[in-house]
Amino acid sequence: MSNMFEKQHLQANVKFRTFDDYALLSMVENGIAVGVLPKLILERLNYRVEVREIEPPCSRIISLIVNGSTGLSPAASRFLSVFENELAMRMSLKPKIKEFLCKLQCDQN
């Protein structure tokens, strides 16, 4: 986020930081904070907060790293499958992402 602020020549007046998304949402709901959170956490909100898009849009990279030299446990293999399905549902897969997912599958075999 700090890079995004710098690019827009803005300076945040930060009084408190938390890594707990739900603590932040509770503070926003109670009118004592403003927060910036990824869409992923905002999809299933049970909080009474107003959600606004950031202009210009900002993004992040989420990676999944597996050890290619050992086989995945059944639980890890299932997680990878769910991860791939969720990713495919959430975005139009670009060739680079498809290649990455294919490499993960090939490495696990």
PDB file of N, CA and C in Angstrom:
ATOM      1  N   MET A   1       0.816  -1.194   0.000  1.00  0.00           N
ATOM      2  CA  MET A   1       0.000   0.000   0.000  1.00  0.00           C
ATOM      3  C   MET A   1       0.857   1.255   0.000  1.00  0.00           C
ATOM      4  N   SER A   2       1.976   1.215   0.711  1.00  0.00           N
ATOM      5  CA  SER A   2       2.801   2.428   0.770  1.00  0.00           C
ATOM      6  C   SER A   2       3.308   2.833  -0.613  1.00  0.00           C
ATOM      7  N   ASN A   3       3.610   1.844  -1.461  1.00  0.00           N
ATOM      8  CA  ASN A   3       4.030   2.163  -2.838  1.00  0.00           C
ATOM      9  C   ASN A   3       2.922   2.881  -3.593  1.00  0.00           C
ATOM     10  N   MET A   4       1.680   2.417  -3.413  1.00  0.00           N
ATOM     11  CA  MET A   4       0.551   3.040  -4.087  1.00  0.00           C
ATOM     12  C   MET A   4       0.392   4.494  -3.622  1.00  0.00           C
ATOM     13  N   PHE A   5       0.532   4.721  -2.329  1.00  0.00           N
ATOM     14  CA  PHE A   5       0.423   6.081  -1.799  1.00  0.00           C
ATOM     15  C   PHE A   5       1.531   6.963  -2.371  1.00  0.00           C
ATOM     16  N   GLU A   6       2.760   6.431  -2.410  1.00  0.00           N
ATOM     17  CA  GLU A   6       3.889   7.208  -2.935  1.00  0.00           C
ATOM     18  C   GLU A   6       3.680   7.592  -4.396  1.00  0.00           C
ATOM     19  N   LYS A   7       3.183   6.653  -5.204  1.00  0.00           N
ATOM     20  CA  LYS A   7       2.943   6.932  -6.620  1.00  0.00           C
ATOM     21  C   LYS A   7       1.923   8.048  -6.814  1.00  0.00           C
ATOM     22  N   GLN A   8       0.993   8.170  -5.882  1.00  0.00           N
ATOM     23  CA  GLN A   8      -0.041   9.209  -5.969  1.00  0.00           C
ATOM     24  C   GLN A   8       0.349  10.467  -5.198  1.00  0.00           C
ATOM     25  N   HIS A   9       1.579  10.494  -4.671  1.00  0.00           N
ATOM     26  CA  HIS A   9       2.083  11.619  -3.887  1.00  0.00           C
ATOM     27  C   HIS A   9       1.191  11.896  -2.671  1.00  0.00           C
ATOM     28  N   LEU A  10       0.788  10.806  -2.010  1.00  0.00           N
ATOM     29  CA  LEU A  10      -0.039  10.909  -0.814  1.00  0.00           C
ATOM     30  C   LEU A  10       0.739  10.390   0.385  1.00  0.00           C
ATOM     31  N   GLN A  11       0.368  10.865   1.551  1.00  0.00           N
ATOM     32  CA  GLN A  11       0.986  10.371   2.772  1.00  0.00           C
ATOM     33  C   GLN A  11      -0.134   9.987   3.743  1.00  0.00           C
ATOM     34  N   ALA A  12      -0.115   8.749   4.177  1.00  0.00           N
ATOM     35  CA  ALA A  12      -1.147   8.263   5.100  1.00  0.00           C
ATOM     36  C   ALA A  12      -0.848   8.747   6.508  1.00  0.00           C
ATOM     37  N   ASN A  13      -1.882   9.101   7.216  1.00  0.00           N
ATOM     38  CA  ASN A  13      -1.764   9.507   8.613  1.00  0.00           C
ATOM     39  C   ASN A  13      -2.115   8.291   9.475  1.00  0.00           C
ATOM     40  N   VAL A  14      -1.174   7.374   9.596  1.00  0.00           N
ATOM     41  CA  VAL A  14      -1.414   6.088  10.264  1.00  0.00           C
ATOM     42  C   VAL A  14      -1.208   6.245  11.766  1.00  0.00           C
ATOM     43  N   LYS A  15      -2.224   5.861  12.525  1.00  0.00           N
ATOM     44  CA  LYS A  15      -2.156   5.898  13.984  1.00  0.00           C
ATOM     45  C   LYS A  15      -2.067   4.495  14.576  1.00  0.00           C
ATOM     46  N   PHE A  16      -2.509   3.504  13.805  1.00  0.00           N
ATOM     47  CA  PHE A  16      -2.545   2.127  14.305  1.00  0.00           C
ATOM     48  C   PHE A  16      -2.495   1.170  13.125  1.00  0.00           C
ATOM     49  N   ARG A  17      -1.770   0.095  13.265  1.00  0.00           N
ATOM     50  CA  ARG A  17      -1.717  -0.951  12.244  1.00  0.00           C
ATOM     51  C   ARG A  17      -2.094  -2.279  12.884  1.00  0.00           C
ATOM     52  N   THR A  18      -2.793  -3.092  12.121  1.00  0.00           N
ATOM     53  CA  THR A  18      -3.120  -4.435  12.586  1.00  0.00           C
ATOM     54  C   THR A  18      -3.037  -5.389  11.408  1.00  0.00           C
ATOM     55  N   PHE A  19      -2.662  -6.608  11.695  1.00  0.00           N
ATOM     56  CA  PHE A  19      -2.642  -7.643  10.663  1.00  0.00           C
ATOM     57  C   PHE A  19      -3.907  -8.495  10.740  1.00  0.00           C
ATOM     58  N   ASP A  20      -4.779  -8.173  11.666  1.00  0.00           N
ATOM     59  CA  ASP A  20      -6.035  -8.913  11.847  1.00  0.00           C
ATOM     60  C   ASP A  20      -7.145  -8.201  11.082  1.00  0.00           C
ATOM     61  N   ASP A  21      -7.530  -8.782   9.944  1.00  0.00           N
ATOM     62  CA  ASP A  21      -8.551  -8.171   9.094  1.00  0.00           C
ATOM     63  C   ASP A  21      -9.860  -7.952   9.832  1.00  0.00           C
ATOM     64  N   TYR A  22     -10.228  -8.897  10.672  1.00  0.00           N
ATOM     65  CA  TYR A  22     -11.518  -8.814  11.359  1.00  0.00           C
ATOM     66  C   TYR A  22     -11.500  -7.757  12.467  1.00  0.00           C
ATOM     67  N   ALA A  23     -10.363  -7.548  13.089  1.00  0.00           N
ATOM     68  CA  ALA A  23     -10.238  -6.454  14.064  1.00  0.00           C
ATOM     69  C   ALA A  23     -10.415  -5.123  13.346  1.00  0.00           C
ATOM     70  N   LEU A  24      -9.791  -4.997  12.178  1.00  0.00           N
ATOM     71  CA  LEU A  24      -9.923  -3.767  11.385  1.00  0.00           C
ATOM     72  C   LEU A  24     -11.369  -3.550  10.973  1.00  0.00           C
ATOM     73  N   LEU A  25     -12.020  -4.599  10.482  1.00  0.00           N
ATOM     74  CA  LEU A  25     -13.424  -4.474  10.076  1.00  0.00           C
ATOM     75  C   LEU A  25     -14.308  -4.055  11.250  1.00  0.00           C
ATOM     76  N   SER A  26     -14.050  -4.572  12.429  1.00  0.00           N
ATOM     77  CA  SER A  26     -14.823  -4.188  13.618  1.00  0.00           C
ATOM     78  C   SER A  26     -14.609  -2.716  13.948  1.00  0.00           C
ATOM     79  N   MET A  27     -13.368  -2.261  13.827  1.00  0.00           N
ATOM     80  CA  MET A  27     -13.094  -0.842  14.102  1.00  0.00           C
ATOM     81  C   MET A  27     -13.769   0.049  13.077  1.00  0.00           C
ATOM     82  N   VAL A  28     -13.745  -0.345  11.809  1.00  0.00           N
ATOM     83  CA  VAL A  28     -14.420   0.430  10.765  1.00  0.00           C
ATOM     84  C   VAL A  28     -15.919   0.456  11.025  1.00  0.00           C
ATOM     85  N   GLU A  29     -16.480  -0.702  11.356  1.00  0.00           N
ATOM     86  CA  GLU A  29     -17.916  -0.795  11.622  1.00  0.00           C
ATOM     87  C   GLU A  29     -18.330   0.128  12.766  1.00  0.00           C
ATOM     88  N   ASN A  30     -17.432   0.314  13.743  1.00  0.00           N
ATOM     89  CA  ASN A  30     -17.736   1.163  14.894  1.00  0.00           C
ATOM     90  C   ASN A  30     -17.316   2.616  14.695  1.00  0.00           C
ATOM     91  N   GLY A  31     -16.888   2.946  13.474  1.00  0.00           N
ATOM     92  CA  GLY A  31     -16.597   4.335  13.150  1.00  0.00           C
ATOM     93  C   GLY A  31     -15.301   4.880  13.711  1.00  0.00           C
ATOM     94  N   ILE A  32     -14.373   4.008  14.099  1.00  0.00           N
ATOM     95  CA  ILE A  32     -13.121   4.500  14.682  1.00  0.00           C
ATOM     96  C   ILE A  32     -11.910   4.245  13.775  1.00  0.00           C
ATOM     97  N   ALA A  33     -12.158   3.754  12.556  1.00  0.00           N
ATOM     98  CA  ALA A  33     -11.032   3.475  11.661  1.00  0.00           C
ATOM     99  C   ALA A  33     -11.487   3.502  10.210  1.00  0.00           C
ATOM    100  N   VAL A  34     -10.511   3.630   9.354  1.00  0.00           N
ATOM    101  CA  VAL A  34     -10.671   3.473   7.912  1.00  0.00           C
ATOM    102  C   VAL A  34      -9.623   2.449   7.528  1.00  0.00           C
ATOM    103  N   GLY A  35      -9.981   1.526   6.659  1.00  0.00           N
ATOM    104  CA  GLY A  35      -9.028   0.481   6.314  1.00  0.00           C
ATOM    105  C   GLY A  35      -8.969   0.195   4.832  1.00  0.00           C
ATOM    106  N   VAL A  36      -7.887  -0.417   4.428  1.00  0.00           N
ATOM    107  CA  VAL A  36      -7.708  -0.869   3.053  1.00  0.00           C
ATOM    108  C   VAL A  36      -7.482  -2.369   3.114  1.00  0.00           C
ATOM    109  N   LEU A  37      -8.394  -3.104   2.483  1.00  0.00           N
ATOM    110  CA  LEU A  37      -8.326  -4.565   2.499  1.00  0.00           C
ATOM    111  C   LEU A  37      -8.499  -5.110   1.087  1.00  0.00           C
ATOM    112  N   PRO A  38      -7.953  -6.307   0.825  1.00  0.00           N
ATOM    113  CA  PRO A  38      -8.141  -6.914  -0.503  1.00  0.00           C
ATOM    114  C   PRO A  38      -9.573  -7.388  -0.703  1.00  0.00           C
ATOM    115  N   LYS A  39      -9.990  -7.455  -1.977  1.00  0.00           N
ATOM    116  CA  LYS A  39     -11.343  -7.911  -2.307  1.00  0.00           C
ATOM    117  C   LYS A  39     -11.638  -9.290  -1.734  1.00  0.00           C
ATOM    118  N   LEU A  40     -10.621 -10.137  -1.686  1.00  0.00           N
ATOM    119  CA  LEU A  40     -10.803 -11.505  -1.216  1.00  0.00           C
ATOM    120  C   LEU A  40     -11.427 -11.544   0.176  1.00  0.00           C
ATOM    121  N   ILE A  41     -10.998 -10.676   1.064  1.00  0.00           N
ATOM    122  CA  ILE A  41     -11.540 -10.665   2.432  1.00  0.00           C
ATOM    123  C   ILE A  41     -12.907  -9.987   2.475  1.00  0.00           C
ATOM    124  N   LEU A  42     -13.201  -9.149   1.486  1.00  0.00           N
ATOM    125  CA  LEU A  42     -14.448  -8.391   1.488  1.00  0.00           C
ATOM    126  C   LEU A  42     -15.615  -9.119   0.824  1.00  0.00           C
ATOM    127  N   GLU A  43     -15.362 -10.288   0.264  1.00  0.00           N
ATOM    128  CA  GLU A  43     -16.414 -10.992  -0.468  1.00  0.00           C
ATOM    129  C   GLU A  43     -17.526 -11.528   0.427  1.00  0.00           C
ATOM    130  N   ARG A  44     -17.207 -11.937   1.612  1.00  0.00           N
ATOM    131  CA  ARG A  44     -18.215 -12.527   2.501  1.00  0.00           C
ATOM    132  C   ARG A  44     -18.307 -11.727   3.802  1.00  0.00           C
ATOM    133  N   LEU A  45     -18.667 -10.480   3.654  1.00  0.00           N
ATOM    134  CA  LEU A  45     -18.727  -9.593   4.822  1.00  0.00           C
ATOM    135  C   LEU A  45     -19.994  -9.773   5.630  1.00  0.00           C
ATOM    136  N   ASN A  46     -19.836  -9.836   6.928  1.00  0.00           N
ATOM    137  CA  ASN A  46     -20.967  -9.799   7.850  1.00  0.00           C
ATOM    138  C   ASN A  46     -20.892  -8.520   8.684  1.00  0.00           C
ATOM    139  N   TYR A  47     -20.209  -7.528   8.143  1.00  0.00           N
ATOM    140  CA  TYR A  47     -20.026  -6.260   8.850  1.00  0.00           C
ATOM    141  C   TYR A  47     -20.802  -5.172   8.123  1.00  0.00           C
ATOM    142  N   ARG A  48     -21.263  -4.181   8.888  1.00  0.00           N
ATOM    143  CA  ARG A  48     -21.960  -3.040   8.292  1.00  0.00           C
ATOM    144  C   ARG A  48     -20.925  -1.963   7.983  1.00  0.00           C
ATOM    145  N   VAL A  49     -20.273  -2.122   6.850  1.00  0.00           N
ATOM    146  CA  VAL A  49     -19.259  -1.162   6.416  1.00  0.00           C
ATOM    147  C   VAL A  49     -19.515  -0.805   4.957  1.00  0.00           C
ATOM    148  N   GLU A  50     -19.028   0.346   4.571  1.00  0.00           N
ATOM    149  CA  GLU A  50     -19.131   0.772   3.181  1.00  0.00           C
ATOM    150  C   GLU A  50     -17.845   0.372   2.466  1.00  0.00           C
ATOM    151  N   VAL A  51     -17.981  -0.318   1.351  1.00  0.00           N
ATOM    152  CA  VAL A  51     -16.825  -0.760   0.571  1.00  0.00           C
ATOM    153  C   VAL A  51     -16.705   0.122  -0.658  1.00  0.00           C
ATOM    154  N   ARG A  52     -15.514   0.657  -0.867  1.00  0.00           N
ATOM    155  CA  ARG A  52     -15.248   1.510  -2.030  1.00  0.00           C
ATOM    156  C   ARG A  52     -14.047   0.975  -2.785  1.00  0.00           C
ATOM    157  N   GLU A  53     -14.083   1.138  -4.104  1.00  0.00           N
ATOM    158  CA  GLU A  53     -12.954   0.748  -4.951  1.00  0.00           C
ATOM    159  C   GLU A  53     -11.851   1.789  -4.837  1.00  0.00           C
ATOM    160  N   ILE A  54     -10.619   1.353  -4.970  1.00  0.00           N
ATOM    161  CA  ILE A  54      -9.468   2.258  -4.963  1.00  0.00           C
ATOM    162  C   ILE A  54      -9.161   2.652  -6.400  1.00  0.00           C
ATOM    163  N   GLU A  55      -8.931   3.926  -6.613  1.00  0.00           N
ATOM    164  CA  GLU A  55      -8.531   4.431  -7.932  1.00  0.00           C
ATOM    165  C   GLU A  55      -7.163   5.083  -7.809  1.00  0.00           C
ATOM    166  N   PRO A  56      -6.197   4.707  -8.601  1.00  0.00           N
ATOM    167  CA  PRO A  56      -6.225   3.614  -9.565  1.00  0.00           C
ATOM    168  C   PRO A  56      -6.197   2.275  -8.831  1.00  0.00           C
ATOM    169  N   PRO A  57      -6.689   1.219  -9.499  1.00  0.00           N
ATOM    170  CA  PRO A  57      -6.713  -0.099  -8.859  1.00  0.00           C
ATOM    171  C   PRO A  57      -5.312  -0.559  -8.453  1.00  0.00           C
ATOM    172  N   CYS A  58      -5.271  -1.340  -7.418  1.00  0.00           N
ATOM    173  CA  CYS A  58      -4.006  -1.852  -6.910  1.00  0.00           C
ATOM    174  C   CYS A  58      -4.140  -3.370  -6.822  1.00  0.00           C
ATOM    175  N   SER A  59      -3.064  -4.087  -7.005  1.00  0.00           N
ATOM    176  CA  SER A  59      -3.152  -5.550  -6.987  1.00  0.00           C
ATOM    177  C   SER A  59      -2.006  -6.138  -6.180  1.00  0.00           C
ATOM    178  N   ARG A  60      -2.092  -7.440  -5.959  1.00  0.00           N
ATOM    179  CA  ARG A  60      -1.037  -8.160  -5.258  1.00  0.00           C
ATOM    180  C   ARG A  60      -0.895  -9.537  -5.888  1.00  0.00           C
ATOM    181  N   ILE A  61       0.205 -10.174  -5.600  1.00  0.00           N
ATOM    182  CA  ILE A  61       0.459 -11.513  -6.119  1.00  0.00           C
ATOM    183  C   ILE A  61       0.350 -12.500  -4.957  1.00  0.00           C
ATOM    184  N   ILE A  62      -0.464 -13.522  -5.152  1.00  0.00           N
ATOM    185  CA  ILE A  62      -0.588 -14.587  -4.169  1.00  0.00           C
ATOM    186  C   ILE A  62       0.079 -15.813  -4.771  1.00  0.00           C
ATOM    187  N   SER A  63       1.027 -16.385  -4.056  1.00  0.00           N
ATOM    188  CA  SER A  63       1.776 -17.529  -4.577  1.00  0.00           C
ATOM    189  C   SER A  63       1.560 -18.751  -3.706  1.00  0.00           C
ATOM    190  N   LEU A  64       1.686 -19.888  -4.337  1.00  0.00           N
ATOM    191  CA  LEU A  64       1.630 -21.168  -3.637  1.00  0.00           C
ATOM    192  C   LEU A  64       2.914 -21.899  -3.988  1.00  0.00           C
ATOM    193  N   ILE A  65       3.692 -22.242  -2.987  1.00  0.00           N
ATOM    194  CA  ILE A  65       4.987 -22.881  -3.211  1.00  0.00           C
ATOM    195  C   ILE A  65       4.935 -24.288  -2.640  1.00  0.00           C
ATOM    196  N   VAL A  66       5.352 -25.257  -3.462  1.00  0.00           N
ATOM    197  CA  VAL A  66       5.401 -26.649  -3.004  1.00  0.00           C
ATOM    198  C   VAL A  66       6.790 -27.205  -3.275  1.00  0.00           C
ATOM    199  N   ASN A  67       7.171 -28.180  -2.492  1.00  0.00           N
ATOM    200  CA  ASN A  67       8.449 -28.846  -2.666  1.00  0.00           C
ATOM    201  C   ASN A  67       8.299 -29.878  -3.776  1.00  0.00           C
ATOM    202  N   GLY A  68       8.931 -29.630  -4.916  1.00  0.00           N
ATOM    203  CA  GLY A  68       8.810 -30.514  -6.065  1.00  0.00           C
ATOM    204  C   GLY A  68       9.530 -31.843  -5.901  1.00  0.00           C
ATOM    205  N   SER A  69      10.432 -31.956  -4.914  1.00  0.00           N
ATOM    206  CA  SER A  69      11.209 -33.190  -4.776  1.00  0.00           C
ATOM    207  C   SER A  69      10.475 -34.250  -3.961  1.00  0.00           C
ATOM    208  N   THR A  70       9.425 -33.864  -3.262  1.00  0.00           N
ATOM    209  CA  THR A  70       8.647 -34.836  -2.484  1.00  0.00           C
ATOM    210  C   THR A  70       7.210 -34.802  -2.959  1.00  0.00           C
ATOM    211  N   GLY A  71       6.523 -35.902  -2.820  1.00  0.00           N
ATOM    212  CA  GLY A  71       5.113 -35.938  -3.193  1.00  0.00           C
ATOM    213  C   GLY A  71       4.271 -35.175  -2.189  1.00  0.00           C
ATOM    214  N   LEU A  72       3.151 -34.667  -2.637  1.00  0.00           N
ATOM    215  CA  LEU A  72       2.253 -33.950  -1.741  1.00  0.00           C
ATOM    216  C   LEU A  72       1.418 -34.939  -0.936  1.00  0.00           C
ATOM    217  N   SER A  73       1.116 -34.573   0.290  1.00  0.00           N
ATOM    218  CA  SER A  73       0.215 -35.390   1.095  1.00  0.00           C
ATOM    219  C   SER A  73      -1.180 -35.298   0.479  1.00  0.00           C
ATOM    220  N   PRO A  74      -2.082 -36.228   0.798  1.00  0.00           N
ATOM    221  CA  PRO A  74      -3.445 -36.131   0.266  1.00  0.00           C
ATOM    222  C   PRO A  74      -4.112 -34.787   0.610  1.00  0.00           C
ATOM    223  N   ALA A  75      -3.886 -34.290   1.816  1.00  0.00           N
ATOM    224  CA  ALA A  75      -4.491 -33.013   2.219  1.00  0.00           C
ATOM    225  C   ALA A  75      -3.923 -31.858   1.390  1.00  0.00           C
ATOM    226  N   ALA A  76      -2.602 -31.850   1.182  1.00  0.00           N
ATOM    227  CA  ALA A  76      -1.979 -30.783   0.407  1.00  0.00           C
ATOM    228  C   ALA A  76      -2.410 -30.865  -1.057  1.00  0.00           C
ATOM    229  N   SER A  77      -2.539 -32.072  -1.564  1.00  0.00           N
ATOM    230  CA  SER A  77      -2.991 -32.264  -2.943  1.00  0.00           C
ATOM    231  C   SER A  77      -4.418 -31.749  -3.119  1.00  0.00           C
ATOM    232  N   ARG A  78      -5.280 -32.027  -2.147  1.00  0.00           N
ATOM    233  CA  ARG A  78      -6.663 -31.550  -2.197  1.00  0.00           C
ATOM    234  C   ARG A  78      -6.704 -30.026  -2.104  1.00  0.00           C
ATOM    235  N   PHE A  79      -5.866 -29.451  -1.226  1.00  0.00           N
ATOM    236  CA  PHE A  79      -5.800 -27.998  -1.096  1.00  0.00           C
ATOM    237  C   PHE A  79      -5.394 -27.375  -2.424  1.00  0.00           C
ATOM    238  N   LEU A  80      -4.388 -27.953  -3.090  1.00  0.00           N
ATOM    239  CA  LEU A  80      -3.938 -27.441  -4.380  1.00  0.00           C
ATOM    240  C   LEU A  80      -5.075 -27.476  -5.388  1.00  0.00           C
ATOM    241  N   SER A  81      -5.853 -28.541  -5.383  1.00  0.00           N
ATOM    242  CA  SER A  81      -6.989 -28.659  -6.295  1.00  0.00           C
ATOM    243  C   SER A  81      -8.031 -27.576  -6.020  1.00  0.00           C
ATOM    244  N   VAL A  82      -8.355 -27.348  -4.755  1.00  0.00           N
ATOM    245  CA  VAL A  82      -9.319 -26.308  -4.376  1.00  0.00           C
ATOM    246  C   VAL A  82      -8.769 -24.934  -4.746  1.00  0.00           C
ATOM    247  N   PHE A  83      -7.492 -24.718  -4.501  1.00  0.00           N
ATOM    248  CA  PHE A  83      -6.837 -23.454  -4.833  1.00  0.00           C
ATOM    249  C   PHE A  83      -6.957 -23.169  -6.332  1.00  0.00           C
ATOM    250  N   GLU A  84      -6.641 -24.164  -7.150  1.00  0.00           N
ATOM    251  CA  GLU A  84      -6.725 -23.997  -8.599  1.00  0.00           C
ATOM    252  C   GLU A  84      -8.152 -23.700  -9.045  1.00  0.00           C
ATOM    253  N   ASN A  85      -9.128 -24.422  -8.489  1.00  0.00           N
ATOM    254  CA  ASN A  85     -10.528 -24.203  -8.859  1.00  0.00           C
ATOM    255  C   ASN A  85     -11.005 -22.818  -8.454  1.00  0.00           C
ATOM    256  N   GLU A  86     -10.656 -22.389  -7.259  1.00  0.00           N
ATOM    257  CA  GLU A  86     -11.041 -21.052  -6.792  1.00  0.00           C
ATOM    258  C   GLU A  86     -10.411 -19.983  -7.669  1.00  0.00           C
ATOM    259  N   LEU A  87      -9.138 -20.166  -7.982  1.00  0.00           N
ATOM    260  CA  LEU A  87      -8.444 -19.198  -8.817  1.00  0.00           C
ATOM    261  C   LEU A  87      -9.097 -19.109 -10.191  1.00  0.00           C
ATOM    262  N   ALA A  88      -9.428 -20.246 -10.755  1.00  0.00           N
ATOM    263  CA  ALA A  88     -10.065 -20.266 -12.070  1.00  0.00           C
ATOM    264  C   ALA A  88     -11.430 -19.584 -12.037  1.00  0.00           C
ATOM    265  N   MET A  89     -12.163 -19.767 -10.944  1.00  0.00           N
ATOM    266  CA  MET A  89     -13.486 -19.150 -10.833  1.00  0.00           C
ATOM    267  C   MET A  89     -13.385 -17.641 -10.627  1.00  0.00           C
ATOM    268  N   ARG A  90     -12.363 -17.179  -9.944  1.00  0.00           N
ATOM    269  CA  ARG A  90     -12.257 -15.769  -9.575  1.00  0.00           C
ATOM    270  C   ARG A  90     -11.714 -14.875 -10.669  1.00  0.00           C
ATOM    271  N   MET A  91     -10.998 -15.432 -11.594  1.00  0.00           N
ATOM    272  CA  MET A  91     -10.391 -14.574 -12.608  1.00  0.00           C
ATOM    273  C   MET A  91     -10.291 -15.302 -13.938  1.00  0.00           C
ATOM    274  N   SER A  92     -10.198 -14.533 -14.994  1.00  0.00           N
ATOM    275  CA  SER A  92      -9.966 -15.160 -16.293  1.00  0.00           C
ATOM    276  C   SER A  92      -8.489 -15.520 -16.314  1.00  0.00           C
ATOM    277  N   LEU A  93      -8.206 -16.786 -16.488  1.00  0.00           N
ATOM    278  CA  LEU A  93      -6.820 -17.236 -16.403  1.00  0.00           C
ATOM    279  C   LEU A  93      -6.001 -16.737 -17.581  1.00  0.00           C
ATOM    280  N   LYS A  94      -4.938 -16.070 -17.271  1.00  0.00           N
ATOM    281  CA  LYS A  94      -4.007 -15.597 -18.287  1.00  0.00           C
ATOM    282  C   LYS A  94      -3.025 -16.729 -18.584  1.00  0.00           C
ATOM    283  N   PRO A  95      -2.436 -16.742 -19.775  1.00  0.00           N
ATOM    284  CA  PRO A  95      -1.510 -17.828 -20.122  1.00  0.00           C
ATOM    285  C   PRO A  95      -0.401 -18.034 -19.097  1.00  0.00           C
ATOM    286  N   LYS A  96       0.107 -16.955 -18.533  1.00  0.00           N
ATOM    287  CA  LYS A  96       1.192 -17.059 -17.553  1.00  0.00           C
ATOM    288  C   LYS A  96       0.729 -17.828 -16.312  1.00  0.00           C
ATOM    289  N   ILE A  97      -0.496 -17.560 -15.857  1.00  0.00           N
ATOM    290  CA  ILE A  97      -1.034 -18.240 -14.685  1.00  0.00           C
ATOM    291  C   ILE A  97      -1.295 -19.708 -15.009  1.00  0.00           C
ATOM    292  N   LYS A  98      -1.841 -19.963 -16.198  1.00  0.00           N
ATOM    293  CA  LYS A  98      -2.070 -21.351 -16.614  1.00  0.00           C
ATOM    294  C   LYS A  98      -0.761 -22.126 -16.614  1.00  0.00           C
ATOM    295  N   GLU A  99       0.283 -21.492 -17.140  1.00  0.00           N
ATOM    296  CA  GLU A  99       1.594 -22.136 -17.194  1.00  0.00           C
ATOM    297  C   GLU A  99       2.091 -22.435 -15.783  1.00  0.00           C
ATOM    298  N   PHE A 100       1.916 -21.495 -14.864  1.00  0.00           N
ATOM    299  CA  PHE A 100       2.326 -21.676 -13.476  1.00  0.00           C
ATOM    300  C   PHE A 100       1.595 -22.847 -12.839  1.00  0.00           C
ATOM    301  N   LEU A 101       0.275 -22.905 -13.022  1.00  0.00           N
ATOM    302  CA  LEU A 101      -0.507 -23.996 -12.435  1.00  0.00           C
ATOM    303  C   LEU A 101      -0.121 -25.337 -13.047  1.00  0.00           C
ATOM    304  N   CYS A 102       0.133 -25.357 -14.344  1.00  0.00           N
ATOM    305  CA  CYS A 102       0.552 -26.583 -15.025  1.00  0.00           C
ATOM    306  C   CYS A 102       1.886 -27.042 -14.459  1.00  0.00           C
ATOM    307  N   LYS A 103       2.810 -26.104 -14.243  1.00  0.00           N
ATOM    308  CA  LYS A 103       4.121 -26.447 -13.687  1.00  0.00           C
ATOM    309  C   LYS A 103       3.962 -27.031 -12.296  1.00  0.00           C
ATOM    310  N   LEU A 104       3.067 -26.464 -11.490  1.00  0.00           N
ATOM    311  CA  LEU A 104       2.830 -27.003 -10.148  1.00  0.00           C
ATOM    312  C   LEU A 104       2.342 -28.453 -10.239  1.00  0.00           C
ATOM    313  N   GLN A 105       1.408 -28.701 -11.124  1.00  0.00           N
ATOM    314  CA  GLN A 105       0.875 -30.056 -11.268  1.00  0.00           C
ATOM    315  C   GLN A 105       1.943 -31.016 -11.784  1.00  0.00           C
ATOM    316  N   CYS A 106       2.743 -30.570 -12.739  1.00  0.00           N
ATOM    317  CA  CYS A 106       3.788 -31.426 -13.291  1.00  0.00           C
ATOM    318  C   CYS A 106       4.847 -31.731 -12.241  1.00  0.00           C
ATOM    319  N   ASP A 107       5.194 -30.737 -11.427  1.00  0.00           N
ATOM    320  CA  ASP A 107       6.205 -30.923 -10.389  1.00  0.00           C
ATOM    321  C   ASP A 107       5.752 -31.875  -9.301  1.00  0.00           C
ATOM    322  N   GLN A 108       4.438 -31.880  -9.036  1.00  0.00           N
ATOM    323  CA  GLN A 108       3.957 -32.733  -7.955  1.00  0.00           C
ATOM    324  C   GLN A 108       3.908 -34.199  -8.388  1.00  0.00           C
ATOM    325  N   ASN A 109       3.842 -34.469  -9.690  1.00  0.00           N
ATOM    326  CA  ASN A 109       3.781 -35.857 -10.189  1.00  0.00           C
ATOM    327  C   ASN A 109       5.117 -36.489 -10.282  1.00  0.00           C
TER     328      ASN A 109
END
